[in-house]
């Protein structure tokens, strides 16, 4: 997967800009900018959706090998996330809930560290942590109501 992510993030900017996903802020291509000079990212809204994965791969002209690798990795991560959610419910004594239909962000980040960048903020938002945290808080609100 590491090689696939590297290959996609090494694509020309014109191709990466095709990665558009306007479902929520932070999905799609996130370019380097003066406000965000160190991290560049690609992403899709829902890693559990075959349609979202297909659209993402099509936007970037991903090879069949890259597509298959992304599908397998997304399925494994999504299953792990569901398992963690089930275990949190069990640990809190809450009734089990199905999280199968919940969307799950999938982001690929590339950090461009330089000596000049040491000590600066790498990213305004760590979406993978935020996404997991948001899902867990949403889960607790749904289960308690």
Protein backbone atom coordinates (compact mmCIF):
# COMPACT_ATOMS: atom_id res chain seq x y z
CA UNK A 1 0.00 0.00 0.00
CA UNK A 2 2.86 2.34 0.79
CA UNK A 3 4.11 2.07 -2.80
CA UNK A 4 0.63 2.71 -4.19
CA UNK A 5 0.18 5.83 -2.08
CA UNK A 6 3.63 7.07 -3.08
CA UNK A 7 2.85 6.50 -6.77
CA UNK A 8 -0.46 8.37 -6.54
CA UNK A 9 0.97 11.30 -4.61
CA UNK A 10 3.87 11.54 -7.09
CA UNK A 11 1.43 12.09 -9.97
CA UNK A 12 1.47 15.51 -11.68
CA UNK A 13 -0.62 18.16 -9.90
CA UNK A 14 -2.99 18.36 -12.88
CA UNK A 15 -3.98 14.73 -12.33
CA UNK A 16 -4.20 15.04 -8.54
CA UNK A 17 -6.55 18.01 -8.94
CA UNK A 18 -9.08 15.63 -10.53
CA UNK A 19 -9.52 14.06 -7.08
CA UNK A 20 -12.63 16.04 -6.25
CA UNK A 21 -15.03 14.94 -3.58
CA UNK A 22 -17.26 17.71 -2.32
CA UNK A 23 -19.29 15.67 0.16
CA UNK A 24 -17.63 17.26 3.20
CA UNK A 25 -14.70 19.67 3.58
CA UNK A 26 -11.38 17.88 3.62
CA UNK A 27 -12.19 15.18 1.10
CA UNK A 28 -10.59 15.14 -2.32
CA UNK A 29 -7.20 16.63 -3.21
CA UNK A 30 -5.56 18.82 -0.58
CA UNK A 31 -2.60 20.66 -2.17
CA UNK A 32 0.40 22.26 -0.59
CA UNK A 33 -0.29 25.93 0.16
CA UNK A 34 1.11 28.81 2.23
CA UNK A 35 -1.30 27.83 5.03
CA UNK A 36 -0.39 24.17 4.66
CA UNK A 37 3.20 24.04 3.36
CA UNK A 38 4.19 20.56 4.49
CA UNK A 39 1.35 18.11 3.85
CA UNK A 40 -0.38 17.19 0.61
CA UNK A 41 -3.24 14.67 0.52
CA UNK A 42 -5.61 12.71 -1.64
CA UNK A 43 -8.82 11.25 -0.32
CA UNK A 44 -12.23 9.81 -0.75
CA UNK A 45 -15.36 10.15 1.32
CA UNK A 46 -16.25 6.53 2.04
CA UNK A 47 -13.73 3.70 1.93
CA UNK A 48 -16.54 1.16 2.42
CA UNK A 49 -18.21 2.24 -0.83
CA UNK A 50 -17.13 0.41 -3.99
CA UNK A 51 -18.49 3.35 -6.00
CA UNK A 52 -16.36 5.87 -4.06
CA UNK A 53 -13.25 3.73 -4.48
CA UNK A 54 -13.96 3.31 -8.21
CA UNK A 55 -14.49 7.08 -8.65
CA UNK A 56 -11.29 7.86 -6.73
CA UNK A 57 -9.24 5.42 -8.81
CA UNK A 58 -10.80 6.67 -12.06
CA UNK A 59 -10.07 10.30 -11.21
CA UNK A 60 -6.39 9.44 -10.81
CA UNK A 61 -6.15 6.90 -13.67
CA UNK A 62 -5.01 4.29 -11.15
CA UNK A 63 -3.64 1.08 -12.60
CA UNK A 64 -5.49 -2.23 -12.04
CA UNK A 65 -2.84 -3.17 -9.45
CA UNK A 66 -3.32 0.13 -7.60
CA UNK A 67 -7.11 -0.27 -7.67
CA UNK A 68 -6.97 -3.78 -6.25
CA UNK A 69 -4.50 -2.76 -3.54
CA UNK A 70 -6.67 0.19 -2.50
CA UNK A 71 -9.80 -2.00 -2.41
CA UNK A 72 -8.12 -4.63 -0.23
CA UNK A 73 -6.60 -2.09 2.14
CA UNK A 74 -9.86 -0.14 2.45
CA UNK A 75 -11.79 -3.33 3.22
CA UNK A 76 -9.28 -4.35 5.90
CA UNK A 77 -9.19 -0.94 7.57
CA UNK A 78 -12.97 -0.66 7.47
CA UNK A 79 -13.39 -4.09 9.07
CA UNK A 80 -10.91 -3.12 11.78
CA UNK A 81 -12.80 0.10 12.46
CA UNK A 82 -16.07 -1.81 12.77
CA UNK A 83 -14.43 -4.27 15.17
CA UNK A 84 -13.09 -1.42 17.32
CA UNK A 85 -16.56 0.19 17.38
CA UNK A 86 -18.16 -3.10 18.46
CA UNK A 87 -15.60 -3.56 21.23
CA UNK A 88 -16.10 -0.02 22.50
CA UNK A 89 -19.85 -0.68 22.65
CA UNK A 90 -19.25 -3.91 24.55
CA UNK A 91 -16.84 -2.19 26.94
CA UNK A 92 -19.37 0.52 27.69
CA UNK A 93 -22.15 -1.99 28.18
CA UNK A 94 -24.11 -0.56 25.26
CA UNK A 95 -26.26 -2.58 22.91
CA UNK A 96 -24.42 -3.55 19.76
CA UNK A 97 -25.14 -1.30 16.82
CA UNK A 98 -24.39 -1.79 13.14
CA UNK A 99 -21.96 0.75 11.78
CA UNK A 100 -21.75 -0.92 8.36
CA UNK A 101 -23.50 1.95 6.59
CA UNK A 102 -21.47 4.75 8.13
CA UNK A 103 -19.10 6.48 5.73
CA UNK A 104 -15.41 6.35 6.57
CA UNK A 105 -12.89 8.84 5.16
CA UNK A 106 -9.80 7.45 3.47
CA UNK A 107 -6.90 9.91 3.19
CA UNK A 108 -3.41 9.51 1.84
CA UNK A 109 -1.02 12.10 3.28
CA UNK A 110 2.43 13.04 2.03
CA UNK A 111 4.60 15.09 4.36
CA UNK A 112 7.38 17.16 2.78
CA UNK A 113 9.65 17.89 5.71
CA UNK A 114 12.68 20.12 5.30
CA UNK A 115 15.13 21.58 7.79
CA UNK A 116 13.31 24.91 7.44
CA UNK A 117 10.01 23.24 8.37
CA UNK A 118 11.19 21.81 11.69
CA UNK A 119 9.03 23.24 14.46
CA UNK A 120 6.19 24.34 12.19
CA UNK A 121 2.71 22.86 12.02
CA UNK A 122 2.64 19.90 9.65
CA UNK A 123 -1.11 19.83 9.05
CA UNK A 124 -4.06 21.88 10.14
CA UNK A 125 -6.10 18.73 10.68
CA UNK A 126 -5.13 15.10 11.03
CA UNK A 127 -8.16 13.69 9.26
CA UNK A 128 -7.57 10.01 10.01
CA UNK A 129 -7.61 10.65 13.77
CA UNK A 130 -10.39 13.23 13.50
CA UNK A 131 -12.49 10.88 11.40
CA UNK A 132 -12.15 8.03 13.90
CA UNK A 133 -12.80 10.36 16.86
CA UNK A 134 -15.84 11.88 15.14
CA UNK A 135 -17.27 8.44 14.36
CA UNK A 136 -16.81 7.27 17.94
CA UNK A 137 -18.49 10.38 19.37
CA UNK A 138 -21.33 10.06 16.87
CA UNK A 139 -21.69 6.41 17.81
CA UNK A 140 -22.00 7.25 21.50
CA UNK A 141 -24.62 9.93 20.83
CA UNK A 142 -26.67 7.54 18.68
CA UNK A 143 -26.45 4.74 21.21
CA UNK A 144 -27.35 6.87 24.18
CA UNK A 145 -30.39 8.45 22.52
